[in-house]
Every structure is written in C-alpha cells, then in structure tokens.
C-alpha cells in the first residue's frame, strides 16, 4: 500500500511510520524538514510547509497514494490545505482528531455520539471540531472515504507525559524524584484515560486494513484511572512516593499563574472527566488496546531517564 503521512515526526508519527514500513507499505512522510531519527530509512521524506500555498503540491508532484494520514490538523484550514491540493491523488483520507472535542463529557463513559461543543478556554479543542467538520465536508464533496481517529491523552515513550498542572513539564516529575510536593487539582478523583502512542499508531493501521469502514472512532486504553491513581503510578515508576497536596483548581491556578508553569486551558481540561467507551472501534476496526496505564507509564518514565530528561540526584 502506498501511504502518505502528513506530519509523522512527533509522538505518534514514528510509531505509525515504523509499523507501516515494517509490514511492507511504501511510506512517504511530508513535514517541514524536521527529520526524526526514529523514522526508518525506508520512509521517503519530503519537505513542505502545508500552510504555504503550493508547497505540498510541489513536494508531492504526480505521486498517487492509496491513503493519506493527516496527523497535525488543528483547525479547518489544516484539513483544507491538505485535502484540496491532493484531490485526485489519494484514495482514502484518515485524520487524527482528539476526544477533547467532547469536553466536558455529559455522560460517562462517553462515546462517539456525545455532543461536540468544547468551551473556547479548554485548550483550543473547538479548532479540532472545525477540522473534523471541514474534512467531512471536503471528503463528501470529493467522494473520498473518511476516517477520523480520536485519541484521549497520549502517553508512551517519545514525549513527556501529562502532569497534574495541565501540561507536560519535566520539572513536575523531577520534583517527585527530589521529594518535593506536587499539587493535584481538587480531590484527585477526576478520571484520566491514557492511550499509548503505539496503540494509537496501530489503530491507523487497522483503519487502513478495513477499507470499507468509515466514520469517527475514539481510541484509548480500555479503562480510565483517577488523577490520584495516576500520580501513584508515576511515583512507583519514579521510585519515590509522591508528596501530594490537593488544591482546588482555582487555588492551584492562582499559585502558578505568574510562573508560566501552568496552562489554564490544559488545567481546565484536566479537571474534566476523560472516560470513553471503545466499543465502536473494537467492533468495526478490531481495536483492542495492548497497553494499559500500569505498563505505559513505567515505559514513559524509563524513556525520560534514558533521554536525560530526568535525573536521580
């Protein structure tokens, strides 16, 4: 299969490209020139800024692909600048979305039928709603099969994991190692659902292998955990019992708002439940998570030590 990957160098991308190459697909990656050393040499890499008119079309030339996987859509324009110039050169279109479009969840577990109306201060997820709708509009116009895969919080080696300040600050994890207190918003009973980056990559491969299946699918681990349990698992992986302080979210924000360590949109989103039913992906794509939090969290912590992001002092 000839597969075009837009993006492909960040967290999920290398897992995806390695899986595709490993099974014999012809893979072409388009990005702005930031080659990731984890990409296999068999992958063809083209340089283009998709937001600069004409660059994507010039880079791709007259190549024809069985499928395009777009990993970096953040808004309607992000979908349009790929679909319009590639019209007639791709057989299927797959887009990476986000379950953030369902925030705040109105029922638990949520599913693909939940309302999509995220508040504008929840980290920009309204842009993801627009991207999905624009992809659906253009794919319908072009007669192009569309699959949207929506990860929950993405974990696994390759990126600093989420912390309870609402971002991905390595200092948070170093504080646990050093025995310093870390704050958990509210009571810590908010639910968090983590998908390993490799499980997310595998979901795209499964979608490619089910050409008759279209639509949107939520992808994650098979269950959610509380923020309290999440920090407990982090401590076990880091080798230090966390010194935890629970704070009302607004008090946590007030403590750090002038430091740049806390992103308010991320904190607001973190304090809303993340818990999804994966039945649709299981039944239509055959998706079964291979990694649960008890495995993915230690893997990610081990990777941070290997990369020198964390140190034991």
C-alpha atoms as a PDB file:
ATOM      1  CA  UNK A   1       0.000   0.000   0.000  1.00  0.00           C
ATOM      2  CA  UNK A   2       1.222   3.498  -0.819  1.00  0.00           C
ATOM      3  CA  UNK A   3       0.642   5.731   2.211  1.00  0.00           C
ATOM      4  CA  UNK A   4       1.248   9.457   2.581  1.00  0.00           C
ATOM      5  CA  UNK A   5       1.715  10.692   6.155  1.00  0.00           C
ATOM      6  CA  UNK A   6       1.373  14.414   6.835  1.00  0.00           C
ATOM      7  CA  UNK A   7       3.434  15.193   9.927  1.00  0.00           C
ATOM      8  CA  UNK A   8       4.849  11.916  11.151  1.00  0.00           C
ATOM      9  CA  UNK A   9       7.795  13.133  13.216  1.00  0.00           C
ATOM     10  CA  UNK A  10       6.150  13.795  16.579  1.00  0.00           C
ATOM     11  CA  UNK A  11       4.998  11.384  19.253  1.00  0.00           C
ATOM     12  CA  UNK A  12       2.576   9.096  17.395  1.00  0.00           C
ATOM     13  CA  UNK A  13       4.163   9.586  13.975  1.00  0.00           C
ATOM     14  CA  UNK A  14       7.334   7.492  14.349  1.00  0.00           C
ATOM     15  CA  UNK A  15       5.321   4.584  15.781  1.00  0.00           C
ATOM     16  CA  UNK A  16       2.954   4.802  12.819  1.00  0.00           C
ATOM     17  CA  UNK A  17       5.652   5.053  10.163  1.00  0.00           C
ATOM     18  CA  UNK A  18       7.616   2.171  11.680  1.00  0.00           C
ATOM     19  CA  UNK A  19       4.516  -0.024  11.688  1.00  0.00           C
ATOM     20  CA  UNK A  20       3.682   0.813   8.087  1.00  0.00           C
ATOM     21  CA  UNK A  21       7.236   0.273   6.823  1.00  0.00           C
ATOM     22  CA  UNK A  22       7.573  -2.875   8.901  1.00  0.00           C
ATOM     23  CA  UNK A  23       4.689  -4.516   7.104  1.00  0.00           C
ATOM     24  CA  UNK A  24       5.939  -3.537   3.656  1.00  0.00           C
ATOM     25  CA  UNK A  25       3.968  -0.400   2.844  1.00  0.00           C
ATOM     26  CA  UNK A  26       5.539   2.325   0.710  1.00  0.00           C
ATOM     27  CA  UNK A  27       5.532   5.308   3.065  1.00  0.00           C
ATOM     28  CA  UNK A  28       6.070   8.950   2.205  1.00  0.00           C
ATOM     29  CA  UNK A  29       6.301  11.478   5.047  1.00  0.00           C
ATOM     30  CA  UNK A  30       5.746  15.204   4.480  1.00  0.00           C
ATOM     31  CA  UNK A  31       6.873  17.679   7.120  1.00  0.00           C
ATOM     32  CA  UNK A  32       8.752  20.955   7.405  1.00  0.00           C
ATOM     33  CA  UNK A  33      12.129  19.262   7.375  1.00  0.00           C
ATOM     34  CA  UNK A  34      12.440  18.133  10.983  1.00  0.00           C
ATOM     35  CA  UNK A  35      13.665  14.590  10.399  1.00  0.00           C
ATOM     36  CA  UNK A  36      13.104  12.380  13.427  1.00  0.00           C
ATOM     37  CA  UNK A  37      15.870   9.844  13.963  1.00  0.00           C
ATOM     38  CA  UNK A  38      13.228   7.268  14.862  1.00  0.00           C
ATOM     39  CA  UNK A  39      11.862   7.254  11.324  1.00  0.00           C
ATOM     40  CA  UNK A  40      13.057   4.179   9.422  1.00  0.00           C
ATOM     41  CA  UNK A  41      15.340   4.879   6.445  1.00  0.00           C
ATOM     42  CA  UNK A  42      12.886   3.112   4.123  1.00  0.00           C
ATOM     43  CA  UNK A  43      10.428   6.008   4.534  1.00  0.00           C
ATOM     44  CA  UNK A  44      10.632   8.675   1.853  1.00  0.00           C
ATOM     45  CA  UNK A  45      10.724  12.157   3.409  1.00  0.00           C
ATOM     46  CA  UNK A  46       9.529  15.253   1.580  1.00  0.00           C
ATOM     47  CA  UNK A  47       9.844  18.798   2.885  1.00  0.00           C
ATOM     48  CA  UNK A  48       6.912  21.207   2.702  1.00  0.00           C
ATOM     49  CA  UNK A  49       5.048  23.665   4.883  1.00  0.00           C
ATOM     50  CA  UNK A  50       1.438  22.699   4.193  1.00  0.00           C
ATOM     51  CA  UNK A  51       0.281  26.209   5.101  1.00  0.00           C
ATOM     52  CA  UNK A  52       2.395  27.790   2.369  1.00  0.00           C
ATOM     53  CA  UNK A  53       0.377  27.732  -0.831  1.00  0.00           C
ATOM     54  CA  UNK A  54       1.755  25.380  -3.458  1.00  0.00           C
ATOM     55  CA  UNK A  55       4.461  23.736  -1.301  1.00  0.00           C
ATOM     56  CA  UNK A  56       2.597  20.481  -0.636  1.00  0.00           C
ATOM     57  CA  UNK A  57       1.571  20.055  -4.272  1.00  0.00           C
ATOM     58  CA  UNK A  58       5.120  20.781  -5.434  1.00  0.00           C
ATOM     59  CA  UNK A  59       6.651  18.330  -2.956  1.00  0.00           C
ATOM     60  CA  UNK A  60       4.241  15.504  -3.789  1.00  0.00           C
ATOM     61  CA  UNK A  61       4.329  16.074  -7.546  1.00  0.00           C
ATOM     62  CA  UNK A  62       2.381  13.495  -9.522  1.00  0.00           C
ATOM     63  CA  UNK A  63       2.622  10.732  -6.894  1.00  0.00           C
ATOM     64  CA  UNK A  64      -0.533   8.699  -6.297  1.00  0.00           C
ATOM     65  CA  UNK A  65      -1.347   7.244  -2.881  1.00  0.00           C
ATOM     66  CA  UNK A  66      -3.799   4.650  -1.685  1.00  0.00           C
ATOM     67  CA  UNK A  67      -4.290   6.640   1.516  1.00  0.00           C
ATOM     68  CA  UNK A  68      -3.301   9.869   3.234  1.00  0.00           C
ATOM     69  CA  UNK A  69      -2.974  10.058   7.021  1.00  0.00           C
ATOM     70  CA  UNK A  70      -3.037  13.608   8.359  1.00  0.00           C
ATOM     71  CA  UNK A  71      -1.552  13.766  11.871  1.00  0.00           C
ATOM     72  CA  UNK A  72      -1.447  17.523  12.510  1.00  0.00           C
ATOM     73  CA  UNK A  73      -4.863  19.075  11.847  1.00  0.00           C
ATOM     74  CA  UNK A  74      -5.601  21.773  14.394  1.00  0.00           C
ATOM     75  CA  UNK A  75      -8.366  23.670  12.600  1.00  0.00           C
ATOM     76  CA  UNK A  76     -10.445  23.762   9.422  1.00  0.00           C
ATOM     77  CA  UNK A  77      -7.613  25.306   7.429  1.00  0.00           C
ATOM     78  CA  UNK A  78      -5.336  22.446   8.456  1.00  0.00           C
ATOM     79  CA  UNK A  79      -7.671  19.959   6.789  1.00  0.00           C
ATOM     80  CA  UNK A  80      -8.306  22.135   3.746  1.00  0.00           C
ATOM     81  CA  UNK A  81      -4.641  22.786   2.876  1.00  0.00           C
ATOM     82  CA  UNK A  82      -4.103  19.023   2.546  1.00  0.00           C
ATOM     83  CA  UNK A  83      -7.340  17.813   1.004  1.00  0.00           C
ATOM     84  CA  UNK A  84      -7.673  20.472  -1.674  1.00  0.00           C
ATOM     85  CA  UNK A  85      -4.209  20.119  -3.299  1.00  0.00           C
ATOM     86  CA  UNK A  86      -4.261  16.306  -3.007  1.00  0.00           C
ATOM     87  CA  UNK A  87      -7.698  15.909  -4.546  1.00  0.00           C
ATOM     88  CA  UNK A  88      -7.471  13.127  -7.133  1.00  0.00           C
ATOM     89  CA  UNK A  89      -4.154  11.779  -5.814  1.00  0.00           C
ATOM     90  CA  UNK A  90      -5.336   9.884  -2.721  1.00  0.00           C
ATOM     91  CA  UNK A  91      -7.783   7.009  -2.428  1.00  0.00           C
ATOM     92  CA  UNK A  92      -8.693   7.411   1.240  1.00  0.00           C
ATOM     93  CA  UNK A  93      -8.235  10.064   3.924  1.00  0.00           C
ATOM     94  CA  UNK A  94      -7.556   9.437   7.619  1.00  0.00           C
ATOM     95  CA  UNK A  95      -7.320  12.260  10.131  1.00  0.00           C
ATOM     96  CA  UNK A  96      -6.041  12.377  13.705  1.00  0.00           C
ATOM     97  CA  UNK A  97      -8.585  14.143  15.877  1.00  0.00           C
ATOM     98  CA  UNK A  98      -8.998  14.362  19.647  1.00  0.00           C
ATOM     99  CA  UNK A  99     -11.548  13.291  22.243  1.00  0.00           C
ATOM    100  CA  UNK A 100     -11.143  16.849  23.534  1.00  0.00           C
ATOM    101  CA  UNK A 101     -13.957  17.745  21.119  1.00  0.00           C
ATOM    102  CA  UNK A 102     -16.371  16.093  23.596  1.00  0.00           C
ATOM    103  CA  UNK A 103     -15.288  18.143  26.629  1.00  0.00           C
ATOM    104  CA  UNK A 104     -16.894  18.480  29.051  1.00  0.00           C
ATOM    105  CA  UNK A 105     -18.359  14.984  28.925  1.00  0.00           C
ATOM    106  CA  UNK A 106     -22.083  14.870  29.605  1.00  0.00           C
ATOM    107  CA  UNK A 107     -22.072  11.149  30.419  1.00  0.00           C
ATOM    108  CA  UNK A 108     -19.527   8.528  31.467  1.00  0.00           C
ATOM    109  CA  UNK A 109     -18.317   6.606  29.655  1.00  0.00           C
ATOM    110  CA  UNK A 110     -18.610   8.846  26.624  1.00  0.00           C
ATOM    111  CA  UNK A 111     -18.827   7.637  23.056  1.00  0.00           C
ATOM    112  CA  UNK A 112     -18.783   8.985  19.510  1.00  0.00           C
ATOM    113  CA  UNK A 113     -22.350  10.318  19.811  1.00  0.00           C
ATOM    114  CA  UNK A 114     -21.543  12.754  22.639  1.00  0.00           C
ATOM    115  CA  UNK A 115     -22.086  16.471  21.921  1.00  0.00           C
ATOM    116  CA  UNK A 116     -19.126  18.342  20.438  1.00  0.00           C
ATOM    117  CA  UNK A 117     -19.153  21.812  21.931  1.00  0.00           C
ATOM    118  CA  UNK A 118     -15.914  22.387  23.870  1.00  0.00           C
ATOM    119  CA  UNK A 119     -15.652  25.780  25.586  1.00  0.00           C
ATOM    120  CA  UNK A 120     -13.125  28.123  23.941  1.00  0.00           C
ATOM    121  CA  UNK A 121     -10.975  28.237  27.091  1.00  0.00           C
ATOM    122  CA  UNK A 122     -10.488  24.442  27.107  1.00  0.00           C
ATOM    123  CA  UNK A 123      -7.222  24.352  25.193  1.00  0.00           C
ATOM    124  CA  UNK A 124      -8.400  25.089  21.672  1.00  0.00           C
ATOM    125  CA  UNK A 125     -10.411  21.931  21.023  1.00  0.00           C
ATOM    126  CA  UNK A 126     -13.015  23.918  19.120  1.00  0.00           C
ATOM    127  CA  UNK A 127     -10.401  24.024  16.353  1.00  0.00           C
ATOM    128  CA  UNK A 128     -10.422  20.230  16.253  1.00  0.00           C
ATOM    129  CA  UNK A 129     -14.203  20.260  15.838  1.00  0.00           C
ATOM    130  CA  UNK A 130     -13.810  22.608  12.872  1.00  0.00           C
ATOM    131  CA  UNK A 131     -11.057  20.428  11.375  1.00  0.00           C
ATOM    132  CA  UNK A 132     -13.235  17.320  11.550  1.00  0.00           C
ATOM    133  CA  UNK A 133     -16.211  19.089  10.027  1.00  0.00           C
ATOM    134  CA  UNK A 134     -14.137  20.538   7.204  1.00  0.00           C
ATOM    135  CA  UNK A 135     -12.645  17.128   6.457  1.00  0.00           C
ATOM    136  CA  UNK A 136     -16.145  15.641   6.360  1.00  0.00           C
ATOM    137  CA  UNK A 137     -17.366  18.395   4.035  1.00  0.00           C
ATOM    138  CA  UNK A 138     -14.499  18.073   1.564  1.00  0.00           C
ATOM    139  CA  UNK A 139     -14.434  14.268   1.609  1.00  0.00           C
ATOM    140  CA  UNK A 140     -18.166  14.220   0.870  1.00  0.00           C
ATOM    141  CA  UNK A 141     -17.621  16.684  -1.984  1.00  0.00           C
ATOM    142  CA  UNK A 142     -14.756  14.627  -3.419  1.00  0.00           C
ATOM    143  CA  UNK A 143     -16.359  11.219  -2.819  1.00  0.00           C
ATOM    144  CA  UNK A 144     -13.400  10.322  -0.587  1.00  0.00           C
ATOM    145  CA  UNK A 145     -13.736   7.753   2.241  1.00  0.00           C
ATOM    146  CA  UNK A 146     -13.023   9.427   5.604  1.00  0.00           C
ATOM    147  CA  UNK A 147     -11.878   8.004   8.928  1.00  0.00           C
ATOM    148  CA  UNK A 148     -11.246  10.194  11.988  1.00  0.00           C
ATOM    149  CA  UNK A 149      -9.410   8.571  14.891  1.00  0.00           C
ATOM    150  CA  UNK A 150      -9.614  10.433  18.189  1.00  0.00           C
ATOM    151  CA  UNK A 151      -7.020   9.696  20.881  1.00  0.00           C
ATOM    152  CA  UNK A 152      -7.501  10.515  24.532  1.00  0.00           C
ATOM    153  CA  UNK A 153      -4.400  11.693  26.411  1.00  0.00           C
ATOM    154  CA  UNK A 154      -1.413  10.205  24.555  1.00  0.00           C
ATOM    155  CA  UNK A 155       1.320   8.523  26.591  1.00  0.00           C
ATOM    156  CA  UNK A 156       4.193   6.156  25.955  1.00  0.00           C
ATOM    157  CA  UNK A 157       7.878   6.768  25.173  1.00  0.00           C
ATOM    158  CA  UNK A 158       8.552   9.679  22.865  1.00  0.00           C
ATOM    159  CA  UNK A 159       7.027  12.589  24.765  1.00  0.00           C
ATOM    160  CA  UNK A 160       6.934  13.936  28.312  1.00  0.00           C
ATOM    161  CA  UNK A 161       3.683  12.682  29.848  1.00  0.00           C
ATOM    162  CA  UNK A 162       0.845  14.755  31.204  1.00  0.00           C
ATOM    163  CA  UNK A 163       1.224  16.144  34.702  1.00  0.00           C
ATOM    164  CA  UNK A 164      -1.445  17.418  37.087  1.00  0.00           C
ATOM    165  CA  UNK A 165      -0.620  21.045  36.323  1.00  0.00           C
ATOM    166  CA  UNK A 166      -2.328  20.518  32.966  1.00  0.00           C
ATOM    167  CA  UNK A 167       0.786  20.393  30.760  1.00  0.00           C
ATOM    168  CA  UNK A 168       3.885  18.315  30.138  1.00  0.00           C
ATOM    169  CA  UNK A 169       6.536  19.994  32.278  1.00  0.00           C
ATOM    170  CA  UNK A 170       9.548  17.758  33.108  1.00  0.00           C
ATOM    171  CA  UNK A 171      10.078  19.747  36.315  1.00  0.00           C
ATOM    172  CA  UNK A 172       6.926  18.217  37.761  1.00  0.00           C
ATOM    173  CA  UNK A 173       8.355  14.696  37.538  1.00  0.00           C
ATOM    174  CA  UNK A 174      11.744  15.813  38.805  1.00  0.00           C
ATOM    175  CA  UNK A 175      10.010  17.271  41.851  1.00  0.00           C
ATOM    176  CA  UNK A 176       8.607  13.835  42.682  1.00  0.00           C
ATOM    177  CA  UNK A 177      12.098  12.318  42.422  1.00  0.00           C
ATOM    178  CA  UNK A 178      13.516  15.058  44.645  1.00  0.00           C
ATOM    179  CA  UNK A 179      10.823  14.576  47.291  1.00  0.00           C
ATOM    180  CA  UNK A 180       9.180  17.948  46.698  1.00  0.00           C
ATOM    181  CA  UNK A 181       5.398  18.326  46.866  1.00  0.00           C
ATOM    182  CA  UNK A 182       3.274  18.188  43.733  1.00  0.00           C
ATOM    183  CA  UNK A 183      -0.264  19.501  43.519  1.00  0.00           C
ATOM    184  CA  UNK A 184      -3.308  17.563  42.315  1.00  0.00           C
ATOM    185  CA  UNK A 185      -6.354  19.690  41.481  1.00  0.00           C
ATOM    186  CA  UNK A 186      -9.465  19.322  43.609  1.00  0.00           C
ATOM    187  CA  UNK A 187      -9.819  15.891  45.251  1.00  0.00           C
ATOM    188  CA  UNK A 188      -7.891  13.970  42.588  1.00  0.00           C
ATOM    189  CA  UNK A 189     -10.926  11.857  41.696  1.00  0.00           C
ATOM    190  CA  UNK A 190     -11.186  13.192  38.137  1.00  0.00           C
ATOM    191  CA  UNK A 191     -10.843  10.416  35.561  1.00  0.00           C
ATOM    192  CA  UNK A 192      -7.952  10.258  33.085  1.00  0.00           C
ATOM    193  CA  UNK A 193      -7.706   7.809  30.187  1.00  0.00           C
ATOM    194  CA  UNK A 194      -4.314   7.271  28.543  1.00  0.00           C
ATOM    195  CA  UNK A 195      -3.634   5.821  25.101  1.00  0.00           C
ATOM    196  CA  UNK A 196      -0.148   4.539  24.339  1.00  0.00           C
ATOM    197  CA  UNK A 197       1.264   6.144  21.181  1.00  0.00           C
ATOM    198  CA  UNK A 198       1.852   2.708  19.666  1.00  0.00           C
ATOM    199  CA  UNK A 199      -1.774   1.705  20.263  1.00  0.00           C
ATOM    200  CA  UNK A 200      -2.796   4.906  18.513  1.00  0.00           C
ATOM    201  CA  UNK A 201      -0.489   4.087  15.596  1.00  0.00           C
ATOM    202  CA  UNK A 202      -1.921   0.575  15.423  1.00  0.00           C
ATOM    203  CA  UNK A 203      -5.433   1.991  15.197  1.00  0.00           C
ATOM    204  CA  UNK A 204      -4.483   3.795  11.980  1.00  0.00           C
ATOM    205  CA  UNK A 205      -3.104   0.563  10.532  1.00  0.00           C
ATOM    206  CA  UNK A 206      -6.324  -1.229  11.469  1.00  0.00           C
ATOM    207  CA  UNK A 207      -8.326   1.500   9.740  1.00  0.00           C
ATOM    208  CA  UNK A 208      -6.218   1.057   6.595  1.00  0.00           C
ATOM    209  CA  UNK A 209      -6.916  -2.668   6.741  1.00  0.00           C
ATOM    210  CA  UNK A 210     -10.681  -2.066   6.867  1.00  0.00           C
ATOM    211  CA  UNK A 211     -11.227  -0.098   3.641  1.00  0.00           C
ATOM    212  CA  UNK A 212     -14.999  -0.444   3.816  1.00  0.00           C
ATOM    213  CA  UNK A 213     -15.189   1.188   7.246  1.00  0.00           C
ATOM    214  CA  UNK A 214     -15.612   4.962   7.553  1.00  0.00           C
ATOM    215  CA  UNK A 215     -16.547   7.326  10.366  1.00  0.00           C
ATOM    216  CA  UNK A 216     -15.067   8.523  13.639  1.00  0.00           C
ATOM    217  CA  UNK A 217     -13.618   6.368  16.409  1.00  0.00           C
ATOM    218  CA  UNK A 218     -12.386   7.022  19.938  1.00  0.00           C
ATOM    219  CA  UNK A 219      -9.072   5.312  20.719  1.00  0.00           C
ATOM    220  CA  UNK A 220      -7.536   4.759  24.156  1.00  0.00           C
ATOM    221  CA  UNK A 221      -6.617   2.271  26.835  1.00  0.00           C
ATOM    222  CA  UNK A 222      -9.502   0.071  27.914  1.00  0.00           C
ATOM    223  CA  UNK A 223     -10.203   1.967  31.148  1.00  0.00           C
ATOM    224  CA  UNK A 224      -9.725   5.295  32.913  1.00  0.00           C
ATOM    225  CA  UNK A 225      -7.945   5.924  36.209  1.00  0.00           C
ATOM    226  CA  UNK A 226      -8.244   8.751  38.716  1.00  0.00           C
ATOM    227  CA  UNK A 227      -5.643  11.505  38.906  1.00  0.00           C
ATOM    228  CA  UNK A 228      -4.756  10.154  42.365  1.00  0.00           C
ATOM    229  CA  UNK A 229      -4.041   6.713  40.908  1.00  0.00           C
ATOM    230  CA  UNK A 230      -2.115   8.296  38.037  1.00  0.00           C
ATOM    231  CA  UNK A 231       0.245  10.124  40.406  1.00  0.00           C
ATOM    232  CA  UNK A 232       0.599   6.941  42.465  1.00  0.00           C
ATOM    233  CA  UNK A 233       1.695   5.048  39.332  1.00  0.00           C
ATOM    234  CA  UNK A 234       4.105   7.838  38.454  1.00  0.00           C
ATOM    235  CA  UNK A 235       5.652   7.580  41.899  1.00  0.00           C
ATOM    236  CA  UNK A 236       6.082   3.821  41.578  1.00  0.00           C
ATOM    237  CA  UNK A 237       7.817   4.269  38.228  1.00  0.00           C
ATOM    238  CA  UNK A 238       9.974   7.129  39.504  1.00  0.00           C
ATOM    239  CA  UNK A 239      10.954   5.203  42.634  1.00  0.00           C
ATOM    240  CA  UNK A 240       9.650   7.811  45.061  1.00  0.00           C
ATOM    241  CA  UNK A 241       6.317   8.100  46.846  1.00  0.00           C
ATOM    242  CA  UNK A 242       4.905  11.463  45.764  1.00  0.00           C
ATOM    243  CA  UNK A 243       4.390  14.166  48.359  1.00  0.00           C
ATOM    244  CA  UNK A 244       0.886  15.170  47.263  1.00  0.00           C
ATOM    245  CA  UNK A 245      -1.047  18.324  48.015  1.00  0.00           C
ATOM    246  CA  UNK A 246      -4.658  18.598  46.901  1.00  0.00           C
ATOM    247  CA  UNK A 247      -5.772  22.077  45.943  1.00  0.00           C
ATOM    248  CA  UNK A 248      -8.965  23.489  44.464  1.00  0.00           C
ATOM    249  CA  UNK A 249      -8.280  24.101  40.799  1.00  0.00           C
ATOM    250  CA  UNK A 250      -8.567  27.880  41.097  1.00  0.00           C
ATOM    251  CA  UNK A 251      -6.131  27.893  44.019  1.00  0.00           C
ATOM    252  CA  UNK A 252      -3.657  25.827  42.017  1.00  0.00           C
ATOM    253  CA  UNK A 253      -4.008  28.267  39.132  1.00  0.00           C
ATOM    254  CA  UNK A 254      -3.510  31.251  41.446  1.00  0.00           C
ATOM    255  CA  UNK A 255      -0.338  29.683  42.842  1.00  0.00           C
ATOM    256  CA  UNK A 256       1.304  29.212  39.439  1.00  0.00           C
ATOM    257  CA  UNK A 257      -0.343  31.664  37.042  1.00  0.00           C
ATOM    258  CA  UNK A 258       2.585  34.103  37.132  1.00  0.00           C
ATOM    259  CA  UNK A 259       5.252  31.418  36.718  1.00  0.00           C
ATOM    260  CA  UNK A 260       4.367  30.097  33.265  1.00  0.00           C
ATOM    261  CA  UNK A 261       4.316  26.548  34.618  1.00  0.00           C
ATOM    262  CA  UNK A 262       0.546  26.080  34.336  1.00  0.00           C
ATOM    263  CA  UNK A 263      -1.507  26.447  31.162  1.00  0.00           C
ATOM    264  CA  UNK A 264      -5.023  27.388  32.215  1.00  0.00           C
ATOM    265  CA  UNK A 265      -6.694  25.715  29.226  1.00  0.00           C
ATOM    266  CA  UNK A 266      -4.873  22.479  29.954  1.00  0.00           C
ATOM    267  CA  UNK A 267      -5.736  22.660  33.636  1.00  0.00           C
ATOM    268  CA  UNK A 268      -9.418  23.242  32.917  1.00  0.00           C
ATOM    269  CA  UNK A 269      -9.430  20.286  30.550  1.00  0.00           C
ATOM    270  CA  UNK A 270      -7.567  18.080  33.040  1.00  0.00           C
ATOM    271  CA  UNK A 271     -10.242  18.748  35.661  1.00  0.00           C
ATOM    272  CA  UNK A 272     -12.983  17.331  33.421  1.00  0.00           C
ATOM    273  CA  UNK A 273     -13.544  13.576  33.294  1.00  0.00           C
ATOM    274  CA  UNK A 274     -11.878  11.656  30.438  1.00  0.00           C
ATOM    275  CA  UNK A 275     -13.515   8.252  30.118  1.00  0.00           C
ATOM    276  CA  UNK A 276     -14.618   6.655  26.847  1.00  0.00           C
ATOM    277  CA  UNK A 277     -16.338   3.509  25.626  1.00  0.00           C
ATOM    278  CA  UNK A 278     -14.213   1.927  22.851  1.00  0.00           C
ATOM    279  CA  UNK A 279     -16.918  -0.439  21.632  1.00  0.00           C
ATOM    280  CA  UNK A 280     -17.233   1.124  18.181  1.00  0.00           C
ATOM    281  CA  UNK A 281     -13.505   0.825  17.441  1.00  0.00           C
ATOM    282  CA  UNK A 282     -13.438  -2.715  18.803  1.00  0.00           C
ATOM    283  CA  UNK A 283     -16.421  -3.913  16.779  1.00  0.00           C
ATOM    284  CA  UNK A 284     -15.700  -2.150  13.479  1.00  0.00           C
ATOM    285  CA  UNK A 285     -11.889  -1.992  13.421  1.00  0.00           C
ATOM    286  CA  UNK A 286     -10.934  -4.882  15.672  1.00  0.00           C
ATOM    287  CA  UNK A 287      -9.101  -2.479  18.000  1.00  0.00           C
ATOM    288  CA  UNK A 288      -8.036  -3.921  21.354  1.00  0.00           C
ATOM    289  CA  UNK A 289      -5.571  -1.879  23.443  1.00  0.00           C
ATOM    290  CA  UNK A 290      -2.224  -3.535  24.039  1.00  0.00           C
ATOM    291  CA  UNK A 291      -1.113  -1.125  26.778  1.00  0.00           C
ATOM    292  CA  UNK A 292      -2.866  -0.185  29.986  1.00  0.00           C
ATOM    293  CA  UNK A 293      -1.618   2.602  32.313  1.00  0.00           C
ATOM    294  CA  UNK A 294       0.270   0.196  34.568  1.00  0.00           C
ATOM    295  CA  UNK A 295       2.508  -0.643  31.597  1.00  0.00           C
ATOM    296  CA  UNK A 296       2.623   2.566  29.578  1.00  0.00           C
ATOM    297  CA  UNK A 297       3.520   4.850  32.496  1.00  0.00           C
ATOM    298  CA  UNK A 298       6.699   2.933  33.539  1.00  0.00           C
ATOM    299  CA  UNK A 299       7.755   2.750  29.879  1.00  0.00           C
ATOM    300  CA  UNK A 300       7.433   6.513  29.533  1.00  0.00           C
ATOM    301  CA  UNK A 301       9.328   7.212  32.760  1.00  0.00           C
ATOM    302  CA  UNK A 302      12.114   4.853  31.696  1.00  0.00           C
ATOM    303  CA  UNK A 303      12.359   6.722  28.383  1.00  0.00           C
ATOM    304  CA  UNK A 304      12.658  10.071  30.202  1.00  0.00           C
ATOM    305  CA  UNK A 305      15.594   8.775  32.201  1.00  0.00           C
ATOM    306  CA  UNK A 306      17.232   7.356  29.072  1.00  0.00           C
ATOM    307  CA  UNK A 307      16.852  10.711  27.312  1.00  0.00           C
ATOM    308  CA  UNK A 308      18.361  12.630  30.233  1.00  0.00           C
ATOM    309  CA  UNK A 309      15.096  14.489  30.805  1.00  0.00           C
ATOM    310  CA  UNK A 310      15.097  13.245  34.418  1.00  0.00           C
ATOM    311  CA  UNK A 311      17.999  12.519  36.760  1.00  0.00           C
ATOM    312  CA  UNK A 312      18.337  10.822  40.125  1.00  0.00           C
ATOM    313  CA  UNK A 313      20.167  13.140  42.500  1.00  0.00           C
END
